[in-house]
Amino acid sequence: MSQPRTAALAGSLAVVAALALSACGAAPDNASTTAGGKNAATATSAADFGGLDALVKAAKKEGTLHAIALPRDWANYGALIDGFKKKYGIKVEVENPDGTSQDEINAVTSRKGQDRAPDVLDLGSSFALSAAQQGLLAPYKVTSYADIPAGQKDPQARWYNDYGGYISIGCDAKRVKTCPTTFKDLLKPQYKGQVALNGNPTKSGSAFGGVYAAALANGGSFDDIQPGLDFFAKLKKNGNYTPVESTPATVEKGETPISIDWDYLNAGYADEFKSKGVDWKVAVPSDGQFSQYYSQAVNKDAPHPAAARLWQEYLYSTEGQNLWLKGYARPALMTAMEKAGTLDKTAAAKLPDVSGTPSFPSEAQQSKAKTVIAQGWAKAVSG
């Protein structure tokens, strides 16, 4: 497995790459239009562009989709990319697959007007809100937009949730005698130097979720993430927290035998690692159940606007949603598909077991939490 996208925050390399690419080439004169003269760059739905067939034709003419920060092993993106290519014959270029949500936003802003700007974005929820506030996203309603729950989409259709999961604790049962199953467990002295996050919460959606979950487990709330920072400060002070960002490679090497990450990633590791002799156990902590979705969006200045919108249509089709489900992620249209009888029941039955109904922080709560983490994370884990 390659590194998860939120783990590779090797910041200097990402920044150098972004700066180098932002300097090359002007954006192509795509002018993706139908015979009726409608421009894909301003189309707010397939119907607005003249129908799905017209969108497919325009996207094929563009011939390319430029994506960023989509590793093939993240929530089954490899199968989604291959499926899109096979269905439409459109080349999918994925740059910096191990990048973070913040890297995606940086690429949009630094490469505006360039042919290497990302066409589409897959962002942690709080980062999608931020991108919308910055005016970076194009309004576009996929055909199934009405079936996406109201609380999981922007009223202006600048972003909408795609797939989600719960923060979980992954553990190498061959290296750790007794695997932790709660945040409280993680403070035990036997886990010295073993507890890692998948990235830096100021840049990474999964690490951000890990701090939020820790807050909920320690008297915090969606309005108060500070107890999460305090928890990691305590974890650092007692020697249990390791600053090594968890990736499949660090897990295999034994550098991060305990990893706080999304359940669909940890569940995927469990499958992948079996052949490599790693017994990877996954637990959704009962004392800090935090669930969150990632969000899809189209770059307002996408160099391939028709392909960008067709990609969204594919992801929110039955085929696309079930492919995410096969990657242990919970697709946004899961409830609607279950009612329609189009959900892959076999894949759904393999999801990590969680009880209760998930709730999600509001836009204001997430914005506040991001500010608190930006101001306090470095201090919490320094020293």
Protein backbone atom coordinates (compact mmCIF):
# COMPACT_ATOMS: atom_id res chain seq x y z
CA MET A 1 0.00 0.00 0.00
CA SER A 2 1.17 3.52 -0.70
CA GLN A 3 1.11 6.26 1.91
CA PRO A 4 -2.29 7.64 2.84
CA ARG A 5 -2.78 11.08 1.37
CA THR A 6 -3.07 12.91 4.66
CA ALA A 7 0.06 11.31 6.02
CA ALA A 8 2.59 12.63 3.56
CA LEU A 9 2.96 16.10 4.87
CA ALA A 10 6.58 16.17 3.78
CA GLY A 11 5.82 19.82 3.47
CA SER A 12 8.94 21.19 1.86
CA LEU A 13 8.77 18.73 -1.02
CA ALA A 14 5.07 19.45 -1.58
CA VAL A 15 5.65 23.19 -1.52
CA VAL A 16 8.59 22.97 -3.92
CA ALA A 17 6.52 20.86 -6.30
CA ALA A 18 3.61 23.28 -6.09
CA LEU A 19 5.78 26.30 -6.79
CA ALA A 20 7.52 24.61 -9.69
CA LEU A 21 4.27 23.54 -11.31
CA SER A 22 2.57 26.87 -10.75
CA ALA A 23 5.16 28.49 -12.95
CA CYS A 24 4.61 26.28 -15.96
CA GLY A 25 2.20 26.83 -18.78
CA ALA A 26 -0.99 28.75 -19.13
CA ALA A 27 -4.32 27.01 -18.84
CA PRO A 28 -5.63 25.63 -22.13
CA ASP A 29 -8.42 27.39 -23.99
CA ASN A 30 -10.86 24.64 -23.15
CA ALA A 31 -14.08 26.42 -24.16
CA SER A 32 -15.91 23.14 -23.69
CA THR A 33 -19.22 23.91 -25.32
CA THR A 34 -22.16 22.04 -26.74
CA ALA A 35 -23.63 22.78 -30.11
CA GLY A 36 -25.87 25.20 -28.24
CA GLY A 37 -22.87 27.20 -27.14
CA LYS A 38 -23.10 26.32 -23.42
CA ASN A 39 -19.84 26.42 -21.47
CA ALA A 40 -18.97 23.57 -19.11
CA ALA A 41 -17.08 25.98 -16.87
CA THR A 42 -20.34 27.67 -15.89
CA ALA A 43 -22.69 24.65 -16.03
CA THR A 44 -24.36 24.07 -12.68
CA SER A 45 -25.74 20.63 -13.61
CA ALA A 46 -25.63 18.13 -16.46
CA ALA A 47 -29.09 19.31 -17.52
CA ASP A 48 -27.82 22.89 -17.59
CA PHE A 49 -25.16 21.76 -20.07
CA GLY A 50 -27.60 20.00 -22.36
CA GLY A 51 -27.74 16.59 -20.69
CA LEU A 52 -25.34 13.89 -19.57
CA ASP A 53 -24.58 12.76 -23.13
CA ALA A 54 -23.45 16.29 -24.02
CA LEU A 55 -21.29 16.40 -20.91
CA VAL A 56 -19.69 13.05 -21.78
CA LYS A 57 -18.94 14.25 -25.31
CA ALA A 58 -17.32 17.45 -24.05
CA ALA A 59 -15.33 15.62 -21.39
CA LYS A 60 -14.01 13.12 -23.95
CA LYS A 61 -12.96 16.04 -26.14
CA GLU A 62 -10.95 17.44 -23.23
CA GLY A 63 -9.51 13.95 -22.74
CA THR A 64 -7.94 14.52 -19.32
CA LEU A 65 -8.90 14.91 -15.68
CA HIS A 66 -6.32 16.39 -13.34
CA ALA A 67 -6.73 15.20 -9.75
CA ILE A 68 -4.54 15.65 -6.69
CA ALA A 69 -3.97 13.84 -3.39
CA LEU A 70 -5.79 10.62 -4.34
CA PRO A 71 -3.71 7.55 -3.42
CA ARG A 72 -5.04 4.37 -5.00
CA ASP A 73 -5.38 2.61 -1.65
CA TRP A 74 -7.40 5.38 0.01
CA ALA A 75 -11.07 4.31 0.21
CA ASN A 76 -10.67 2.26 -3.00
CA TYR A 77 -9.73 5.24 -5.20
CA GLY A 78 -7.67 2.95 -7.43
CA ALA A 79 -10.82 1.14 -8.53
CA LEU A 80 -12.69 4.44 -8.98
CA ILE A 81 -9.96 5.90 -11.17
CA ASP A 82 -9.75 2.73 -13.26
CA GLY A 83 -13.54 2.55 -13.56
CA PHE A 84 -13.79 6.13 -14.80
CA LYS A 85 -11.02 5.57 -17.35
CA LYS A 86 -12.65 2.39 -18.63
CA LYS A 87 -16.13 3.89 -18.83
CA TYR A 88 -15.22 7.12 -20.60
CA GLY A 89 -11.72 6.67 -22.02
CA ILE A 90 -10.53 9.82 -20.22
CA LYS A 91 -7.01 9.96 -18.83
CA VAL A 92 -6.80 10.59 -15.08
CA GLU A 93 -3.62 12.27 -13.88
CA VAL A 94 -3.12 12.14 -10.11
CA GLU A 95 -0.48 14.47 -8.79
CA ASN A 96 1.01 14.30 -5.29
CA PRO A 97 -1.18 11.33 -4.26
CA ASP A 98 0.10 11.52 -0.69
CA GLY A 99 -0.76 15.19 -0.27
CA THR A 100 -3.06 16.74 2.30
CA SER A 101 -6.32 18.66 2.06
CA GLN A 102 -4.38 21.86 2.61
CA ASP A 103 -1.99 20.89 -0.21
CA GLU A 104 -5.02 20.66 -2.50
CA ILE A 105 -6.20 24.15 -1.60
CA ASN A 106 -2.67 25.51 -2.00
CA ALA A 107 -2.47 23.99 -5.48
CA VAL A 108 -5.73 25.68 -6.51
CA THR A 109 -4.66 29.10 -5.30
CA SER A 110 -1.04 28.97 -6.49
CA ARG A 111 -1.84 27.62 -9.95
CA LYS A 112 -4.86 29.67 -10.89
CA GLY A 113 -4.91 30.01 -14.67
CA GLN A 114 -2.35 27.23 -15.13
CA ASP A 115 -2.93 24.03 -17.08
CA ARG A 116 -1.73 21.95 -14.11
CA ALA A 117 -4.31 23.29 -11.70
CA PRO A 118 -6.45 20.56 -10.11
CA ASP A 119 -9.81 20.01 -11.79
CA VAL A 120 -11.39 18.37 -8.76
CA LEU A 121 -10.83 18.23 -5.02
CA ASP A 122 -11.49 15.67 -2.30
CA LEU A 123 -11.21 17.58 0.96
CA GLY A 124 -11.63 17.00 4.64
CA SER A 125 -14.94 18.56 5.61
CA SER A 126 -13.47 21.58 7.41
CA PHE A 127 -11.15 22.23 4.46
CA ALA A 128 -14.06 22.13 2.01
CA LEU A 129 -15.82 24.79 4.06
CA SER A 130 -12.68 26.88 3.99
CA ALA A 131 -12.27 26.51 0.20
CA ALA A 132 -15.89 27.57 -0.33
CA GLN A 133 -15.40 30.61 1.89
CA GLN A 134 -12.39 31.56 -0.23
CA GLY A 135 -14.50 31.42 -3.41
CA LEU A 136 -12.46 28.61 -4.96
CA LEU A 137 -15.27 26.18 -5.79
CA ALA A 138 -17.76 25.95 -8.65
CA PRO A 139 -21.46 25.31 -7.92
CA TYR A 140 -22.47 22.00 -9.53
CA LYS A 141 -25.37 19.69 -8.71
CA VAL A 142 -24.78 16.06 -9.63
CA THR A 143 -27.80 14.15 -10.89
CA SER A 144 -28.23 12.49 -7.48
CA TYR A 145 -27.79 15.75 -5.54
CA ALA A 146 -31.32 15.61 -4.10
CA ASP A 147 -30.55 12.24 -2.47
CA ILE A 148 -27.57 13.59 -0.54
CA PRO A 149 -28.77 14.37 3.02
CA ALA A 150 -29.38 18.08 3.59
CA GLY A 151 -26.78 18.32 6.34
CA GLN A 152 -24.11 16.85 4.10
CA LYS A 153 -24.11 19.32 1.24
CA ASP A 154 -23.62 23.01 0.65
CA PRO A 155 -26.93 24.72 -0.25
CA GLN A 156 -25.10 26.35 -3.16
CA ALA A 157 -23.72 22.95 -4.27
CA ARG A 158 -20.10 24.10 -4.05
CA TRP A 159 -19.27 20.92 -2.12
CA TYR A 160 -21.05 17.81 -0.90
CA ASN A 161 -19.99 14.86 1.17
CA ASP A 162 -18.77 11.78 -0.66
CA TYR A 163 -17.65 9.08 1.78
CA GLY A 164 -16.96 8.92 5.48
CA GLY A 165 -16.10 6.85 8.49
CA TYR A 166 -15.19 6.85 12.15
CA ILE A 167 -11.93 7.60 13.88
CA SER A 168 -10.49 4.27 14.96
CA ILE A 169 -7.46 2.79 16.68
CA GLY A 170 -5.40 0.41 14.58
CA CYS A 171 -2.94 -1.88 16.33
CA ASP A 172 -0.26 -4.39 15.34
CA ALA A 173 -1.27 -7.30 17.56
CA LYS A 174 2.06 -9.07 17.01
CA ARG A 175 4.06 -6.12 18.37
CA VAL A 176 1.58 -4.93 21.01
CA LYS A 177 0.69 -7.48 23.67
CA THR A 178 -2.74 -6.01 24.45
CA CYS A 179 -4.21 -3.68 21.87
CA PRO A 180 -5.90 -0.50 23.12
CA THR A 181 -9.56 0.00 22.27
CA THR A 182 -10.25 3.39 23.89
CA PHE A 183 -8.54 6.76 24.18
CA LYS A 184 -8.20 6.14 27.92
CA ASP A 185 -6.21 3.00 27.12
CA LEU A 186 -3.74 4.99 25.04
CA LEU A 187 -2.42 6.70 28.19
CA LYS A 188 -1.23 3.40 29.71
CA PRO A 189 2.55 3.17 30.22
CA GLN A 190 2.94 0.02 28.10
CA TYR A 191 2.29 2.05 24.95
CA LYS A 192 5.38 4.25 25.31
CA GLY A 193 6.48 5.66 21.95
CA GLN A 194 3.86 3.69 20.03
CA VAL A 195 0.86 5.99 19.45
CA ALA A 196 0.77 7.90 16.15
CA LEU A 197 -1.55 10.06 14.08
CA ASN A 198 -1.97 9.96 10.31
CA GLY A 199 -0.55 13.43 9.73
CA ASN A 200 -0.62 16.89 11.30
CA PRO A 201 -4.10 18.13 12.31
CA THR A 202 -3.40 21.63 10.99
CA LYS A 203 -3.17 20.16 7.48
CA SER A 204 -4.67 16.67 7.60
CA GLY A 205 -8.36 15.81 7.77
CA SER A 206 -7.75 12.44 9.44
CA ALA A 207 -5.45 13.88 12.11
CA PHE A 208 -7.94 16.71 12.69
CA GLY A 209 -10.59 14.05 13.28
CA GLY A 210 -8.27 12.24 15.69
CA VAL A 211 -7.95 15.34 17.87
CA TYR A 212 -11.72 15.92 17.76
CA ALA A 213 -12.35 12.31 18.83
CA ALA A 214 -9.88 12.69 21.68
CA ALA A 215 -11.74 15.82 22.78
CA LEU A 216 -15.06 13.95 22.87
CA ALA A 217 -13.40 11.20 24.93
CA ASN A 218 -12.09 13.68 27.48
CA GLY A 219 -15.01 15.94 28.35
CA GLY A 220 -14.91 18.10 25.24
CA SER A 221 -17.60 18.67 22.64
CA PHE A 222 -18.05 19.87 19.07
CA ASP A 223 -17.84 23.36 20.58
CA ASP A 224 -14.75 22.58 22.63
CA ILE A 225 -11.82 20.76 21.01
CA GLN A 226 -9.30 21.98 23.60
CA PRO A 227 -9.52 18.75 25.67
CA GLY A 228 -8.28 16.95 22.55
CA LEU A 229 -5.17 19.11 22.45
CA ASP A 230 -4.73 18.58 26.19
CA PHE A 231 -4.97 14.81 25.67
CA PHE A 232 -2.20 14.78 23.08
CA ALA A 233 -0.08 17.06 25.26
CA LYS A 234 -0.46 14.50 28.06
CA LEU A 235 0.26 11.65 25.64
CA LYS A 236 3.42 13.47 24.56
CA LYS A 237 4.48 14.23 28.12
CA ASN A 238 4.19 10.61 29.26
CA GLY A 239 6.16 9.44 26.23
CA ASN A 240 3.40 7.50 24.46
CA TYR A 241 2.92 9.85 21.49
CA THR A 242 5.34 9.55 18.60
CA PRO A 243 5.70 12.39 16.07
CA VAL A 244 6.27 9.84 13.29
CA GLU A 245 3.27 10.20 10.99
CA SER A 246 1.60 6.84 10.51
CA THR A 247 1.67 5.28 7.04
CA PRO A 248 1.51 1.69 5.78
CA ALA A 249 5.31 1.77 5.50
CA THR A 250 5.84 2.89 9.11
CA VAL A 251 3.38 0.25 10.29
CA GLU A 252 5.21 -2.52 8.43
CA LYS A 253 8.52 -1.36 9.90
CA GLY A 254 7.05 -1.33 13.39
CA GLU A 255 7.60 2.42 13.80
CA THR A 256 3.92 3.18 14.44
CA PRO A 257 2.35 0.01 15.91
CA ILE A 258 -0.67 1.98 17.14
CA SER A 259 -2.33 4.38 14.68
CA ILE A 260 -5.28 6.73 15.19
CA ASP A 261 -6.94 6.94 11.78
CA TRP A 262 -10.22 6.55 9.87
CA ASP A 263 -11.78 3.12 10.24
CA TYR A 264 -11.89 2.54 6.47
CA LEU A 265 -8.13 3.05 6.23
CA ASN A 266 -7.35 0.86 9.22
CA ALA A 267 -9.75 -1.81 7.92
CA GLY A 268 -8.03 -1.65 4.55
CA TYR A 269 -4.67 -2.08 6.25
CA ALA A 270 -5.97 -5.17 8.03
CA ASP A 271 -6.74 -6.77 4.66
CA GLU A 272 -3.51 -5.69 3.02
CA PHE A 273 -1.19 -6.59 5.87
CA LYS A 274 -2.37 -10.19 6.25
CA SER A 275 -0.07 -11.28 3.44
CA LYS A 276 2.82 -9.42 5.08
CA GLY A 277 2.57 -11.07 8.46
CA VAL A 278 1.03 -8.10 10.26
CA ASP A 279 -2.01 -8.84 12.44
CA TRP A 280 -3.72 -5.43 12.32
CA LYS A 281 -6.63 -5.04 14.71
CA VAL A 282 -9.18 -2.23 14.39
CA ALA A 283 -11.39 -0.73 17.12
CA VAL A 284 -13.71 2.27 17.05
CA PRO A 285 -13.20 3.75 20.54
CA SER A 286 -16.41 3.83 22.55
CA ASP A 287 -15.25 6.84 24.55
CA GLY A 288 -14.55 9.05 21.53
CA GLN A 289 -16.85 8.23 18.62
CA PHE A 290 -16.17 10.84 15.98
CA SER A 291 -17.45 10.39 12.46
CA GLN A 292 -16.82 12.65 9.52
CA TYR A 293 -17.09 12.75 5.76
CA TYR A 294 -14.74 13.99 3.11
CA SER A 295 -16.23 16.33 0.54
CA GLN A 296 -16.08 16.56 -3.24
CA ALA A 297 -15.76 19.81 -5.12
CA VAL A 298 -14.96 21.22 -8.56
CA ASN A 299 -12.27 23.87 -8.92
CA LYS A 300 -13.96 27.05 -10.13
CA ASP A 301 -11.07 27.52 -12.57
CA ALA A 302 -10.70 23.87 -13.59
CA PRO A 303 -8.69 23.52 -16.82
CA HIS A 304 -10.94 20.58 -17.79
CA PRO A 305 -14.38 21.71 -16.59
CA ALA A 306 -16.43 19.08 -18.45
CA ALA A 307 -14.25 16.20 -17.24
CA ALA A 308 -14.39 17.62 -13.72
CA ARG A 309 -18.18 17.58 -13.72
CA LEU A 310 -18.35 14.13 -15.32
CA TRP A 311 -16.04 12.81 -12.60
CA GLN A 312 -18.52 14.03 -10.01
CA GLU A 313 -21.37 12.32 -11.86
CA TYR A 314 -19.41 9.06 -11.85
CA LEU A 315 -18.53 9.26 -8.15
CA TYR A 316 -22.19 9.82 -7.21
CA SER A 317 -23.51 7.08 -9.47
CA THR A 318 -24.44 3.69 -8.03
CA GLU A 319 -21.21 2.26 -9.41
CA GLY A 320 -19.05 4.94 -7.84
CA GLN A 321 -20.74 4.85 -4.45
CA ASN A 322 -20.49 1.07 -4.22
CA LEU A 323 -16.79 1.20 -5.08
CA TRP A 324 -16.21 3.46 -2.07
CA LEU A 325 -18.22 1.03 0.01
CA LYS A 326 -15.94 -1.81 -1.10
CA GLY A 327 -13.09 0.27 0.31
CA TYR A 328 -14.77 0.15 3.77
CA ALA A 329 -15.95 3.76 3.49
CA ARG A 330 -19.56 4.78 4.05
CA PRO A 331 -20.82 6.57 0.91
CA ALA A 332 -22.99 9.67 1.24
CA LEU A 333 -25.81 8.04 -0.73
CA MET A 334 -25.78 4.87 1.36
CA THR A 335 -29.23 5.39 2.89
CA ALA A 336 -30.83 6.32 -0.42
CA MET A 337 -29.22 3.34 -2.17
CA GLU A 338 -30.33 0.99 0.58
CA LYS A 339 -33.92 2.14 0.08
CA ALA A 340 -33.57 1.80 -3.70
CA GLY A 341 -32.08 -1.69 -3.41
CA THR A 342 -28.88 -0.67 -5.22
CA LEU A 343 -26.48 -0.90 -2.26
CA ASP A 344 -23.81 -3.63 -2.32
CA LYS A 345 -25.01 -5.57 0.73
CA THR A 346 -21.94 -7.81 0.86
CA ALA A 347 -19.61 -4.83 1.08
CA ALA A 348 -21.86 -3.10 3.61
CA ALA A 349 -21.76 -6.16 5.88
CA LYS A 350 -17.95 -5.88 6.10
CA LEU A 351 -17.92 -2.36 7.56
CA PRO A 352 -16.37 -1.97 11.03
CA ASP A 353 -19.02 -2.41 13.71
CA VAL A 354 -20.24 0.83 15.31
CA SER A 355 -23.27 1.45 17.53
CA GLY A 356 -25.37 4.58 17.77
CA THR A 357 -26.28 7.32 15.33
CA PRO A 358 -23.45 9.60 14.21
CA SER A 359 -23.64 13.35 14.63
CA PHE A 360 -21.44 15.96 13.01
CA PRO A 361 -20.00 19.35 13.96
CA SER A 362 -21.48 22.37 12.25
CA GLU A 363 -19.59 24.69 9.91
CA ALA A 364 -19.08 27.21 12.71
CA GLN A 365 -17.89 24.53 15.13
CA GLN A 366 -15.38 23.16 12.63
CA SER A 367 -14.05 26.62 11.83
CA LYS A 368 -13.60 27.33 15.53
CA ALA A 369 -11.86 23.96 16.06
CA LYS A 370 -9.46 24.61 13.18
CA THR A 371 -8.49 27.94 14.73
CA VAL A 372 -7.87 26.36 18.14
CA ILE A 373 -5.72 23.59 16.63
CA ALA A 374 -3.77 26.04 14.47
CA GLN A 375 -2.93 28.06 17.56
CA GLY A 376 -2.23 25.20 19.96
CA TRP A 377 -1.08 22.02 18.22
CA ALA A 378 2.64 22.78 17.98
CA LYS A 379 2.79 23.72 21.66
CA ALA A 380 0.84 20.62 22.69
CA VAL A 381 3.28 18.16 21.11
CA SER A 382 6.54 20.09 21.33
CA GLY A 383 9.39 19.24 23.62
